[in-house]
């Protein structure tokens, strides 16, 4: 019976530790995903500019807009992960 009491008392602390670890891992994955996404956006933009140099202005403006949206979502995910992790 005492072993069960000890386990039941330790359960909330262990679950909070797992929740914090999950939040930090989620924040890291969000940052990695944003880095990969922005890299692909930049690479595709460079490829498009190489194919059609006359459309450089439109391509660059669309690239910046898409990168900002990806970065905004990633920033929100990282902030949420750190808030949950605290």
N, C-alpha and C. Protein backbone atom coordinates (compact mmCIF):
# COMPACT_ATOMS: atom_id res chain seq x y z
N UNK A 1 0.82 -1.20 0.00
CA UNK A 1 0.00 0.00 0.00
C UNK A 1 0.86 1.26 0.00
N UNK A 2 1.99 1.22 0.69
CA UNK A 2 2.83 2.41 0.74
C UNK A 2 3.47 2.70 -0.62
N UNK A 3 3.78 1.67 -1.38
CA UNK A 3 4.34 1.88 -2.71
C UNK A 3 3.34 2.59 -3.61
N UNK A 4 2.08 2.21 -3.51
CA UNK A 4 1.04 2.85 -4.30
C UNK A 4 0.88 4.31 -3.90
N UNK A 5 0.94 4.61 -2.63
CA UNK A 5 0.84 6.00 -2.17
C UNK A 5 2.00 6.84 -2.68
N UNK A 6 3.19 6.27 -2.67
CA UNK A 6 4.36 7.00 -3.16
C UNK A 6 4.21 7.28 -4.65
N UNK A 7 3.76 6.30 -5.41
CA UNK A 7 3.57 6.49 -6.86
C UNK A 7 2.49 7.52 -7.15
N UNK A 8 1.41 7.50 -6.39
CA UNK A 8 0.34 8.47 -6.61
C UNK A 8 0.77 9.88 -6.25
N UNK A 9 1.64 10.02 -5.28
CA UNK A 9 2.13 11.35 -4.92
C UNK A 9 3.12 11.88 -5.96
N UNK A 10 3.86 11.00 -6.59
CA UNK A 10 4.86 11.41 -7.58
C UNK A 10 4.26 11.62 -8.96
N UNK A 11 3.06 11.13 -9.21
CA UNK A 11 2.47 11.20 -10.55
C UNK A 11 2.28 12.62 -11.06
N UNK A 12 1.75 13.58 -10.26
CA UNK A 12 1.58 14.93 -10.81
C UNK A 12 2.91 15.59 -11.20
N UNK A 13 3.95 15.36 -10.41
CA UNK A 13 5.24 15.95 -10.74
C UNK A 13 5.80 15.35 -12.03
N UNK A 14 5.65 14.06 -12.19
CA UNK A 14 6.14 13.40 -13.40
C UNK A 14 5.36 13.85 -14.63
N UNK A 15 4.06 14.01 -14.48
CA UNK A 15 3.26 14.43 -15.64
C UNK A 15 3.59 15.87 -16.04
N UNK A 16 3.90 16.72 -15.07
CA UNK A 16 4.30 18.09 -15.40
C UNK A 16 5.65 18.10 -16.11
N UNK A 17 6.55 17.22 -15.71
CA UNK A 17 7.85 17.15 -16.37
C UNK A 17 7.70 16.68 -17.81
N UNK A 18 6.83 15.73 -18.03
CA UNK A 18 6.59 15.24 -19.39
C UNK A 18 5.94 16.33 -20.24
N UNK A 19 5.01 17.09 -19.65
CA UNK A 19 4.36 18.18 -20.38
C UNK A 19 5.36 19.26 -20.75
N UNK A 20 6.26 19.60 -19.84
CA UNK A 20 7.28 20.60 -20.15
C UNK A 20 8.22 20.11 -21.25
N UNK A 21 8.61 18.85 -21.17
CA UNK A 21 9.49 18.30 -22.20
C UNK A 21 8.80 18.31 -23.56
N UNK A 22 7.53 17.96 -23.57
CA UNK A 22 6.77 17.97 -24.82
C UNK A 22 6.64 19.37 -25.40
N UNK A 23 6.45 20.36 -24.53
CA UNK A 23 6.33 21.73 -25.00
C UNK A 23 7.64 22.23 -25.61
N UNK A 24 8.74 21.90 -24.98
CA UNK A 24 10.04 22.34 -25.51
C UNK A 24 10.36 21.61 -26.81
N UNK A 25 10.06 20.34 -26.89
CA UNK A 25 10.28 19.59 -28.13
C UNK A 25 9.40 20.15 -29.25
N UNK A 26 8.15 20.48 -28.93
CA UNK A 26 7.26 21.08 -29.92
C UNK A 26 7.76 22.42 -30.42
N UNK A 27 8.30 23.24 -29.51
CA UNK A 27 8.85 24.53 -29.91
C UNK A 27 10.05 24.34 -30.83
N UNK A 28 10.88 23.36 -30.53
CA UNK A 28 12.03 23.08 -31.39
C UNK A 28 11.62 22.59 -32.77
N UNK A 29 10.62 21.73 -32.81
CA UNK A 29 10.13 21.24 -34.11
C UNK A 29 9.52 22.37 -34.93
N UNK A 30 8.83 23.29 -34.26
CA UNK A 30 8.25 24.43 -34.98
C UNK A 30 9.35 25.30 -35.58
N UNK A 31 10.42 25.52 -34.84
CA UNK A 31 11.54 26.31 -35.36
C UNK A 31 12.22 25.60 -36.52
N UNK A 32 12.39 24.29 -36.41
CA UNK A 32 13.00 23.54 -37.51
C UNK A 32 12.11 23.58 -38.75
N UNK A 33 10.82 23.42 -38.57
CA UNK A 33 9.90 23.46 -39.70
C UNK A 33 9.91 24.81 -40.40
N UNK A 34 9.99 25.88 -39.60
CA UNK A 34 10.05 27.21 -40.20
C UNK A 34 11.34 27.40 -40.99
N UNK A 35 12.44 26.92 -40.46
CA UNK A 35 13.71 27.03 -41.17
C UNK A 35 13.69 26.28 -42.50
N UNK A 36 13.13 25.09 -42.47
CA UNK A 36 13.03 24.30 -43.71
C UNK A 36 12.10 25.00 -44.70
N UNK A 37 10.97 25.49 -44.22
CA UNK A 37 10.01 26.16 -45.09
C UNK A 37 10.56 27.42 -45.73
N UNK A 38 11.24 28.24 -44.94
CA UNK A 38 11.80 29.47 -45.48
C UNK A 38 12.93 29.16 -46.46
N UNK A 39 13.70 28.12 -46.17
CA UNK A 39 14.74 27.71 -47.12
C UNK A 39 14.17 27.27 -48.45
N UNK A 40 13.08 26.53 -48.40
CA UNK A 40 12.44 26.10 -49.65
C UNK A 40 11.85 27.28 -50.40
N UNK A 41 11.27 28.24 -49.67
CA UNK A 41 10.71 29.43 -50.31
C UNK A 41 11.82 30.20 -51.02
N UNK A 42 12.94 30.41 -50.33
CA UNK A 42 14.05 31.14 -50.92
C UNK A 42 14.64 30.42 -52.13
N UNK A 43 14.80 29.11 -52.02
CA UNK A 43 15.33 28.35 -53.15
C UNK A 43 14.43 28.39 -54.36
N UNK A 44 13.14 28.27 -54.13
CA UNK A 44 12.19 28.33 -55.25
C UNK A 44 12.16 29.72 -55.87
N UNK A 45 12.30 30.75 -55.03
CA UNK A 45 12.32 32.11 -55.57
C UNK A 45 13.55 32.33 -56.44
N UNK A 46 14.70 31.85 -55.98
CA UNK A 46 15.91 32.00 -56.79
C UNK A 46 15.79 31.25 -58.11
N UNK A 47 15.21 30.07 -58.07
CA UNK A 47 15.02 29.30 -59.30
C UNK A 47 14.07 30.04 -60.25
N UNK A 48 13.01 30.62 -59.69
CA UNK A 48 12.05 31.36 -60.53
C UNK A 48 12.68 32.60 -61.13
N UNK A 49 13.51 33.30 -60.36
CA UNK A 49 14.18 34.49 -60.88
C UNK A 49 15.17 34.10 -61.98
N UNK A 50 15.82 32.96 -61.83
CA UNK A 50 16.75 32.50 -62.87
C UNK A 50 16.02 32.18 -64.16
N UNK A 51 14.79 31.67 -64.05
CA UNK A 51 14.02 31.33 -65.25
C UNK A 51 13.40 32.57 -65.90
N UNK A 52 12.92 33.51 -65.06
CA UNK A 52 12.27 34.72 -65.58
C UNK A 52 12.82 35.94 -64.86
N UNK A 53 13.94 36.46 -65.30
CA UNK A 53 14.54 37.61 -64.61
C UNK A 53 13.66 38.86 -64.64
N UNK A 54 12.81 38.98 -65.65
CA UNK A 54 11.97 40.19 -65.75
C UNK A 54 10.87 40.22 -64.69
N UNK A 55 10.58 39.10 -64.06
CA UNK A 55 9.54 39.05 -63.02
C UNK A 55 10.14 39.09 -61.62
N UNK A 56 11.36 39.60 -61.50
CA UNK A 56 12.06 39.58 -60.22
C UNK A 56 11.30 40.32 -59.13
N UNK A 57 10.75 41.48 -59.42
CA UNK A 57 10.06 42.28 -58.41
C UNK A 57 8.86 41.56 -57.81
N UNK A 58 8.05 40.96 -58.67
CA UNK A 58 6.88 40.23 -58.19
C UNK A 58 7.28 38.99 -57.38
N UNK A 59 8.30 38.31 -57.85
CA UNK A 59 8.73 37.08 -57.17
C UNK A 59 9.29 37.40 -55.79
N UNK A 60 10.11 38.45 -55.71
CA UNK A 60 10.71 38.80 -54.42
C UNK A 60 9.65 39.26 -53.43
N UNK A 61 8.68 40.05 -53.89
CA UNK A 61 7.64 40.51 -52.96
C UNK A 61 6.79 39.34 -52.46
N UNK A 62 6.46 38.41 -53.34
CA UNK A 62 5.71 37.23 -52.91
C UNK A 62 6.54 36.35 -51.98
N UNK A 63 7.84 36.26 -52.23
CA UNK A 63 8.71 35.46 -51.38
C UNK A 63 8.77 36.05 -49.97
N UNK A 64 8.91 37.36 -49.87
CA UNK A 64 8.98 38.00 -48.56
C UNK A 64 7.66 37.83 -47.81
N UNK A 65 6.55 37.96 -48.50
CA UNK A 65 5.24 37.77 -47.86
C UNK A 65 5.08 36.34 -47.35
N UNK A 66 5.44 35.37 -48.16
CA UNK A 66 5.31 33.96 -47.74
C UNK A 66 6.25 33.64 -46.59
N UNK A 67 7.47 34.15 -46.63
CA UNK A 67 8.41 33.90 -45.54
C UNK A 67 7.94 34.54 -44.25
N UNK A 68 7.35 35.73 -44.34
CA UNK A 68 6.83 36.38 -43.13
C UNK A 68 5.67 35.60 -42.53
N UNK A 69 4.81 35.05 -43.36
CA UNK A 69 3.70 34.25 -42.84
C UNK A 69 4.20 32.97 -42.17
N UNK A 70 5.17 32.32 -42.78
CA UNK A 70 5.74 31.10 -42.18
C UNK A 70 6.41 31.44 -40.86
N UNK A 71 7.16 32.52 -40.83
CA UNK A 71 7.87 32.91 -39.61
C UNK A 71 6.89 33.33 -38.51
N UNK A 72 5.79 33.96 -38.88
CA UNK A 72 4.79 34.34 -37.89
C UNK A 72 4.14 33.14 -37.23
N UNK A 73 3.82 32.15 -38.02
CA UNK A 73 3.23 30.92 -37.46
C UNK A 73 4.24 30.22 -36.56
N UNK A 74 5.49 30.18 -36.99
CA UNK A 74 6.52 29.52 -36.18
C UNK A 74 6.76 30.27 -34.88
N UNK A 75 6.75 31.58 -34.93
CA UNK A 75 6.94 32.37 -33.71
C UNK A 75 5.81 32.13 -32.73
N UNK A 76 4.59 32.05 -33.24
CA UNK A 76 3.45 31.73 -32.37
C UNK A 76 3.57 30.36 -31.75
N UNK A 77 4.02 29.38 -32.52
CA UNK A 77 4.18 28.02 -31.99
C UNK A 77 5.28 27.96 -30.94
N UNK A 78 6.38 28.65 -31.18
CA UNK A 78 7.47 28.66 -30.20
C UNK A 78 7.02 29.37 -28.92
N UNK A 79 6.33 30.49 -29.05
CA UNK A 79 5.84 31.20 -27.87
C UNK A 79 4.87 30.34 -27.08
N UNK A 80 3.97 29.67 -27.77
CA UNK A 80 3.02 28.79 -27.09
C UNK A 80 3.74 27.64 -26.39
N UNK A 81 4.74 27.09 -27.04
CA UNK A 81 5.52 26.02 -26.42
C UNK A 81 6.21 26.47 -25.15
N UNK A 82 6.77 27.67 -25.16
CA UNK A 82 7.44 28.16 -23.96
C UNK A 82 6.44 28.54 -22.87
N UNK A 83 5.28 29.03 -23.25
CA UNK A 83 4.26 29.35 -22.25
C UNK A 83 3.78 28.08 -21.56
N UNK A 84 3.54 27.04 -22.34
CA UNK A 84 3.11 25.77 -21.75
C UNK A 84 4.23 25.16 -20.93
N UNK A 85 5.47 25.34 -21.38
CA UNK A 85 6.61 24.77 -20.69
C UNK A 85 6.92 25.43 -19.36
N UNK A 86 6.45 26.64 -19.15
CA UNK A 86 6.71 27.30 -17.87
C UNK A 86 5.77 26.74 -16.88
